[in-house]
Amino acid sequence: MKRVLRFWKVFIFDLVGIALMILAILTGWLPGPGGIPLFILGLSVLAIHHDWAQKYIDQLKDYVDSLGDKIFVEDKDVQLAYDIICPVMVAGGIYLLWLHNATWQITLGIILLFTGVTVLIGNRKRWQRFIAKFKRKT
């Protein structure tokens, strides 16, 4: 009985993972990130029961970490520049969203807002320190 339940559990997880990956291909042409988050989510679901998918997820994590190290360098001048530019980007994004006269203003406002917040959180390893504090409390 346990073998049958395990088979159906793996089958359903595989079905969901593959469906998400197919949906990623179908939505890849849309503006924005397209299907990339869906593809990663599908691969993550497949990684629950398959070592080959876990290997690709681990490679993706290593790549993102190395990319973060290239973007968020330890140079104090660059960190200061990020700390000055990012709030300006966030304020500009909020201003453009406040105006919302044209679609391009809304689009640019969203891009500025999310890019500014993302870089501000990533700068000076703020996100890693937050995660480390969260892990210690649990």
C-alpha atoms as a PDB file:
ATOM      1  CA  MET A   1       0.000   0.000   0.000  1.00  0.00           C
ATOM      2  CA  LYS A   2       2.844   2.399   0.845  1.00  0.00           C
ATOM      3  CA  ARG A   3       4.472   1.721  -2.531  1.00  0.00           C
ATOM      4  CA  VAL A   4       1.262   2.637  -4.324  1.00  0.00           C
ATOM      5  CA  LEU A   5       0.846   5.842  -2.324  1.00  0.00           C
ATOM      6  CA  ARG A   6       4.473   6.790  -2.935  1.00  0.00           C
ATOM      7  CA  PHE A   7       4.064   6.113  -6.658  1.00  0.00           C
ATOM      8  CA  TRP A   8       1.032   8.394  -6.898  1.00  0.00           C
ATOM      9  CA  LYS A   9       2.702  11.062  -4.783  1.00  0.00           C
ATOM     10  CA  VAL A  10       5.762  11.103  -7.049  1.00  0.00           C
ATOM     11  CA  PHE A  11       3.544  10.957 -10.139  1.00  0.00           C
ATOM     12  CA  ILE A  12       1.473  13.954  -9.050  1.00  0.00           C
ATOM     13  CA  PHE A  13       4.541  16.001  -8.098  1.00  0.00           C
ATOM     14  CA  ASP A  14       6.143  15.155 -11.448  1.00  0.00           C
ATOM     15  CA  LEU A  15       2.964  16.088 -13.270  1.00  0.00           C
ATOM     16  CA  VAL A  16       2.783  19.456 -11.515  1.00  0.00           C
ATOM     17  CA  GLY A  17       6.479  20.150 -12.121  1.00  0.00           C
ATOM     18  CA  ILE A  18       6.268  19.312 -15.814  1.00  0.00           C
ATOM     19  CA  ALA A  19       3.047  21.324 -16.182  1.00  0.00           C
ATOM     20  CA  LEU A  20       4.762  24.367 -14.647  1.00  0.00           C
ATOM     21  CA  MET A  21       7.706  23.967 -17.020  1.00  0.00           C
ATOM     22  CA  ILE A  22       5.378  23.712 -20.039  1.00  0.00           C
ATOM     23  CA  LEU A  23       3.469  26.748 -18.790  1.00  0.00           C
ATOM     24  CA  ALA A  24       6.822  28.552 -18.540  1.00  0.00           C
ATOM     25  CA  ILE A  25       7.484  27.865 -22.212  1.00  0.00           C
ATOM     26  CA  LEU A  26       4.012  29.072 -23.157  1.00  0.00           C
ATOM     27  CA  THR A  27       4.353  32.321 -21.149  1.00  0.00           C
ATOM     28  CA  GLY A  28       7.988  32.980 -22.052  1.00  0.00           C
ATOM     29  CA  TRP A  29       7.070  35.467 -24.765  1.00  0.00           C
ATOM     30  CA  LEU A  30       5.185  37.748 -22.359  1.00  0.00           C
ATOM     31  CA  PRO A  31       6.851  40.994 -21.229  1.00  0.00           C
ATOM     32  CA  GLY A  32       8.681  40.907 -17.930  1.00  0.00           C
ATOM     33  CA  PRO A  33      10.371  37.852 -16.512  1.00  0.00           C
ATOM     34  CA  GLY A  34       8.103  35.671 -18.650  1.00  0.00           C
ATOM     35  CA  GLY A  35       8.345  32.022 -17.824  1.00  0.00           C
ATOM     36  CA  ILE A  36      11.622  32.050 -15.911  1.00  0.00           C
ATOM     37  CA  PRO A  37      10.038  31.977 -12.415  1.00  0.00           C
ATOM     38  CA  LEU A  38       7.600  29.279 -13.520  1.00  0.00           C
ATOM     39  CA  PHE A  39      10.421  27.187 -14.974  1.00  0.00           C
ATOM     40  CA  ILE A  40      12.447  27.466 -11.760  1.00  0.00           C
ATOM     41  CA  LEU A  41       9.345  26.602  -9.715  1.00  0.00           C
ATOM     42  CA  GLY A  42       8.675  23.556 -11.906  1.00  0.00           C
ATOM     43  CA  LEU A  43      12.281  22.434 -11.579  1.00  0.00           C
ATOM     44  CA  SER A  44      12.048  22.898  -7.805  1.00  0.00           C
ATOM     45  CA  VAL A  45       8.941  20.714  -7.641  1.00  0.00           C
ATOM     46  CA  LEU A  46      10.739  18.043  -9.668  1.00  0.00           C
ATOM     47  CA  ALA A  47      13.767  18.338  -7.343  1.00  0.00           C
ATOM     48  CA  ILE A  48      11.671  17.051  -4.440  1.00  0.00           C
ATOM     49  CA  HIS A  49      11.875  13.487  -5.781  1.00  0.00           C
ATOM     50  CA  HIS A  50      14.650  13.592  -8.409  1.00  0.00           C
ATOM     51  CA  ASP A  51      18.377  14.055  -7.825  1.00  0.00           C
ATOM     52  CA  TRP A  52      19.020  15.302 -11.376  1.00  0.00           C
ATOM     53  CA  ALA A  53      16.638  18.236 -10.838  1.00  0.00           C
ATOM     54  CA  GLN A  54      18.214  18.986  -7.448  1.00  0.00           C
ATOM     55  CA  LYS A  55      21.597  19.135  -9.178  1.00  0.00           C
ATOM     56  CA  TYR A  56      20.297  21.831 -11.546  1.00  0.00           C
ATOM     57  CA  ILE A  57      18.734  23.777  -8.667  1.00  0.00           C
ATOM     58  CA  ASP A  58      22.073  23.686  -6.816  1.00  0.00           C
ATOM     59  CA  GLN A  59      23.883  24.915  -9.942  1.00  0.00           C
ATOM     60  CA  LEU A  60      21.347  27.727 -10.270  1.00  0.00           C
ATOM     61  CA  LYS A  61      21.862  28.732  -6.618  1.00  0.00           C
ATOM     62  CA  ASP A  62      25.642  28.791  -7.102  1.00  0.00           C
ATOM     63  CA  TYR A  63      25.266  30.916 -10.243  1.00  0.00           C
ATOM     64  CA  VAL A  64      22.967  33.401  -8.508  1.00  0.00           C
ATOM     65  CA  ASP A  65      25.357  33.634  -5.546  1.00  0.00           C
ATOM     66  CA  SER A  66      28.324  34.323  -7.854  1.00  0.00           C
ATOM     67  CA  LEU A  67      26.258  36.902  -9.755  1.00  0.00           C
ATOM     68  CA  GLY A  68      25.393  38.588  -6.458  1.00  0.00           C
ATOM     69  CA  ASP A  69      29.076  38.710  -5.554  1.00  0.00           C
ATOM     70  CA  LYS A  70      29.813  40.438  -8.879  1.00  0.00           C
ATOM     71  CA  ILE A  71      27.017  42.990  -8.497  1.00  0.00           C
ATOM     72  CA  PHE A  72      27.389  43.712  -4.784  1.00  0.00           C
ATOM     73  CA  VAL A  73      31.127  44.221  -4.451  1.00  0.00           C
ATOM     74  CA  GLU A  74      32.858  44.951  -1.151  1.00  0.00           C
ATOM     75  CA  ASP A  75      34.104  48.381  -2.330  1.00  0.00           C
ATOM     76  CA  LYS A  76      32.864  51.059   0.108  1.00  0.00           C
ATOM     77  CA  ASP A  77      32.488  53.673  -2.650  1.00  0.00           C
ATOM     78  CA  VAL A  78      30.291  51.386  -4.747  1.00  0.00           C
ATOM     79  CA  GLN A  79      28.207  50.470  -1.695  1.00  0.00           C
ATOM     80  CA  LEU A  80      27.765  54.164  -0.876  1.00  0.00           C
ATOM     81  CA  ALA A  81      26.744  54.881  -4.465  1.00  0.00           C
ATOM     82  CA  TYR A  82      24.130  52.094  -4.273  1.00  0.00           C
ATOM     83  CA  ASP A  83      22.864  53.505  -0.967  1.00  0.00           C
ATOM     84  CA  ILE A  84      22.433  56.951  -2.563  1.00  0.00           C
ATOM     85  CA  ILE A  85      21.063  55.908  -5.961  1.00  0.00           C
ATOM     86  CA  CYS A  86      18.540  53.305  -4.747  1.00  0.00           C
ATOM     87  CA  PRO A  87      16.373  55.621  -2.616  1.00  0.00           C
ATOM     88  CA  VAL A  88      16.357  58.085  -5.524  1.00  0.00           C
ATOM     89  CA  MET A  89      15.173  55.253  -7.803  1.00  0.00           C
ATOM     90  CA  VAL A  90      12.460  54.270  -5.312  1.00  0.00           C
ATOM     91  CA  ALA A  91      11.316  57.894  -4.961  1.00  0.00           C
ATOM     92  CA  GLY A  92      11.297  58.321  -8.748  1.00  0.00           C
ATOM     93  CA  GLY A  93       9.289  55.125  -9.131  1.00  0.00           C
ATOM     94  CA  ILE A  94       6.727  56.261  -6.562  1.00  0.00           C
ATOM     95  CA  TYR A  95       6.494  59.659  -8.265  1.00  0.00           C
ATOM     96  CA  LEU A  96       5.876  58.075 -11.674  1.00  0.00           C
ATOM     97  CA  LEU A  97       3.251  55.765 -10.198  1.00  0.00           C
ATOM     98  CA  TRP A  98       1.638  58.785  -8.546  1.00  0.00           C
ATOM     99  CA  LEU A  99       1.427  60.587 -11.902  1.00  0.00           C
ATOM    100  CA  HIS A 100       0.229  57.538 -13.870  1.00  0.00           C
ATOM    101  CA  ASN A 101      -0.723  59.617 -16.901  1.00  0.00           C
ATOM    102  CA  ALA A 102       0.616  57.126 -19.415  1.00  0.00           C
ATOM    103  CA  THR A 103       1.339  53.426 -19.491  1.00  0.00           C
ATOM    104  CA  TRP A 104       5.055  54.018 -19.920  1.00  0.00           C
ATOM    105  CA  GLN A 105       5.102  56.021 -16.677  1.00  0.00           C
ATOM    106  CA  ILE A 106       3.469  53.184 -14.773  1.00  0.00           C
ATOM    107  CA  THR A 107       5.843  50.644 -16.305  1.00  0.00           C
ATOM    108  CA  LEU A 108       8.936  52.738 -15.607  1.00  0.00           C
ATOM    109  CA  GLY A 109       7.689  53.485 -12.088  1.00  0.00           C
ATOM    110  CA  ILE A 110       7.298  49.780 -11.302  1.00  0.00           C
ATOM    111  CA  ILE A 111      10.721  48.992 -12.761  1.00  0.00           C
ATOM    112  CA  LEU A 112      12.414  51.781 -10.774  1.00  0.00           C
ATOM    113  CA  LEU A 113      10.601  50.868  -7.573  1.00  0.00           C
ATOM    114  CA  PHE A 114      11.393  47.167  -7.637  1.00  0.00           C
ATOM    115  CA  THR A 115      14.955  47.594  -8.919  1.00  0.00           C
ATOM    116  CA  GLY A 116      15.725  50.196  -6.258  1.00  0.00           C
ATOM    117  CA  VAL A 117      14.288  48.076  -3.441  1.00  0.00           C
ATOM    118  CA  THR A 118      16.028  44.915  -4.691  1.00  0.00           C
ATOM    119  CA  VAL A 119      19.451  46.535  -4.990  1.00  0.00           C
ATOM    120  CA  LEU A 120      19.032  48.335  -1.658  1.00  0.00           C
ATOM    121  CA  ILE A 121      18.218  45.045   0.091  1.00  0.00           C
ATOM    122  CA  GLY A 122      21.071  43.197  -1.627  1.00  0.00           C
ATOM    123  CA  ASN A 123      23.675  45.883  -0.979  1.00  0.00           C
ATOM    124  CA  ARG A 124      25.992  45.431   2.027  1.00  0.00           C
ATOM    125  CA  LYS A 125      24.696  41.858   2.365  1.00  0.00           C
ATOM    126  CA  ARG A 126      21.554  43.089   4.137  1.00  0.00           C
ATOM    127  CA  TRP A 127      19.478  40.166   2.859  1.00  0.00           C
ATOM    128  CA  GLN A 128      22.031  37.582   4.037  1.00  0.00           C
ATOM    129  CA  ARG A 129      22.167  39.180   7.496  1.00  0.00           C
ATOM    130  CA  PHE A 130      18.359  39.188   7.705  1.00  0.00           C
ATOM    131  CA  ILE A 131      18.183  35.508   6.720  1.00  0.00           C
ATOM    132  CA  ALA A 132      20.925  34.640   9.237  1.00  0.00           C
ATOM    133  CA  LYS A 133      18.976  36.357  12.044  1.00  0.00           C
ATOM    134  CA  PHE A 134      15.770  34.621  10.969  1.00  0.00           C
ATOM    135  CA  LYS A 135      17.466  31.208  10.956  1.00  0.00           C
ATOM    136  CA  ARG A 136      18.871  31.761  14.450  1.00  0.00           C
ATOM    137  CA  LYS A 137      15.420  32.564  15.864  1.00  0.00           C
ATOM    138  CA  THR A 138      13.814  29.399  14.516  1.00  0.00           C
END
